[in-house]
C-alpha atoms as a PDB file:
ATOM      1  CA  MET A   1       0.000   0.000   0.000  1.00  0.00           C
ATOM      2  CA  THR A   2       1.377   3.356  -0.948  1.00  0.00           C
ATOM      3  CA  ALA A   3       0.413   6.910  -1.731  1.00  0.00           C
ATOM      4  CA  ASN A   4       2.491   6.707  -4.926  1.00  0.00           C
ATOM      5  CA  VAL A   5      -0.011   6.026  -7.690  1.00  0.00           C
ATOM      6  CA  PHE A   6       1.723   7.216 -10.849  1.00  0.00           C
ATOM      7  CA  ARG A   7       2.135   4.486 -13.481  1.00  0.00           C
ATOM      8  CA  GLU A   8       5.936   4.657 -13.056  1.00  0.00           C
ATOM      9  CA  ASP A   9       5.617   4.103  -9.299  1.00  0.00           C
ATOM     10  CA  ILE A  10       3.341   1.110  -9.783  1.00  0.00           C
ATOM     11  CA  GLU A  11       5.711  -0.421 -12.341  1.00  0.00           C
ATOM     12  CA  LYS A  12       8.697   0.049 -10.008  1.00  0.00           C
ATOM     13  CA  CYS A  13       6.811  -1.687  -7.196  1.00  0.00           C
ATOM     14  CA  LEU A  14       5.891  -4.654  -9.363  1.00  0.00           C
ATOM     15  CA  GLU A  15       9.382  -4.881 -10.901  1.00  0.00           C
ATOM     16  CA  SER A  16      10.904  -4.982  -7.424  1.00  0.00           C
ATOM     17  CA  GLY A  17       8.939  -8.159  -6.666  1.00  0.00           C
ATOM     18  CA  MET A  18       5.817  -6.898  -4.966  1.00  0.00           C
ATOM     19  CA  ASN A  19       2.723  -9.044  -5.556  1.00  0.00           C
ATOM     20  CA  GLY A  20       0.495  -6.086  -6.309  1.00  0.00           C
ATOM     21  CA  HIS A  21      -0.201  -2.439  -5.714  1.00  0.00           C
ATOM     22  CA  VAL A  22      -2.947  -0.732  -3.740  1.00  0.00           C
ATOM     23  CA  GLY A  23      -2.866   3.038  -3.793  1.00  0.00           C
ATOM     24  CA  LYS A  24      -4.329   5.553  -1.416  1.00  0.00           C
ATOM     25  CA  PRO A  25      -7.028   6.579  -0.847  1.00  0.00           C
ATOM     26  CA  LEU A  26      -7.999   3.002  -0.200  1.00  0.00           C
ATOM     27  CA  ASP A  27     -10.850   1.359  -2.023  1.00  0.00           C
ATOM     28  CA  PHE A  28     -11.844  -1.389   0.403  1.00  0.00           C
ATOM     29  CA  ASP A  29     -13.148  -3.622  -2.408  1.00  0.00           C
ATOM     30  CA  GLU A  30      -9.778  -3.324  -4.169  1.00  0.00           C
ATOM     31  CA  VAL A  31      -7.948  -4.235  -0.960  1.00  0.00           C
ATOM     32  CA  LEU A  32     -10.120  -7.326  -0.482  1.00  0.00           C
ATOM     33  CA  ALA A  33      -9.708  -8.365  -4.128  1.00  0.00           C
ATOM     34  CA  SER A  34      -5.938  -8.042  -3.839  1.00  0.00           C
ATOM     35  CA  LEU A  35      -5.854 -10.070  -0.622  1.00  0.00           C
ATOM     36  CA  ARG A  36      -8.053 -12.795  -2.134  1.00  0.00           C
ATOM     37  CA  LYS A  37      -5.772 -12.993  -5.171  1.00  0.00           C
ATOM     38  CA  CYS A  38      -2.649 -13.359  -3.007  1.00  0.00           C
ATOM     39  CA  LEU A  39      -4.282 -15.875  -0.675  1.00  0.00           C
ATOM     40  CA  LYS A  40      -5.503 -17.949  -3.618  1.00  0.00           C
ATOM     41  CA  LYS A  41      -1.955 -18.117  -5.009  1.00  0.00           C
ATOM     42  CA  ALA A  42      -0.575 -19.029  -1.590  1.00  0.00           C
ATOM     43  CA  ARG A  43      -2.969 -21.989  -1.328  1.00  0.00           C
ATOM     44  CA  GLN A  44      -1.948 -23.477  -4.682  1.00  0.00           C
ATOM     45  CA  PRO A  45       0.512 -26.378  -4.473  1.00  0.00           C
ATOM     46  CA  ALA A  46       4.069 -25.512  -5.452  1.00  0.00           C
END
């Protein structure tokens, strides 16, 4: 989660290995969707 929401900032976050990007101000539905996506990946067998 960050206040940096310019396209360049988002790309830097993702390139550095972050799983996603949620910018401020928070959209609670976006936060939940991002968490569900990460949790779903974590549950998949390696």
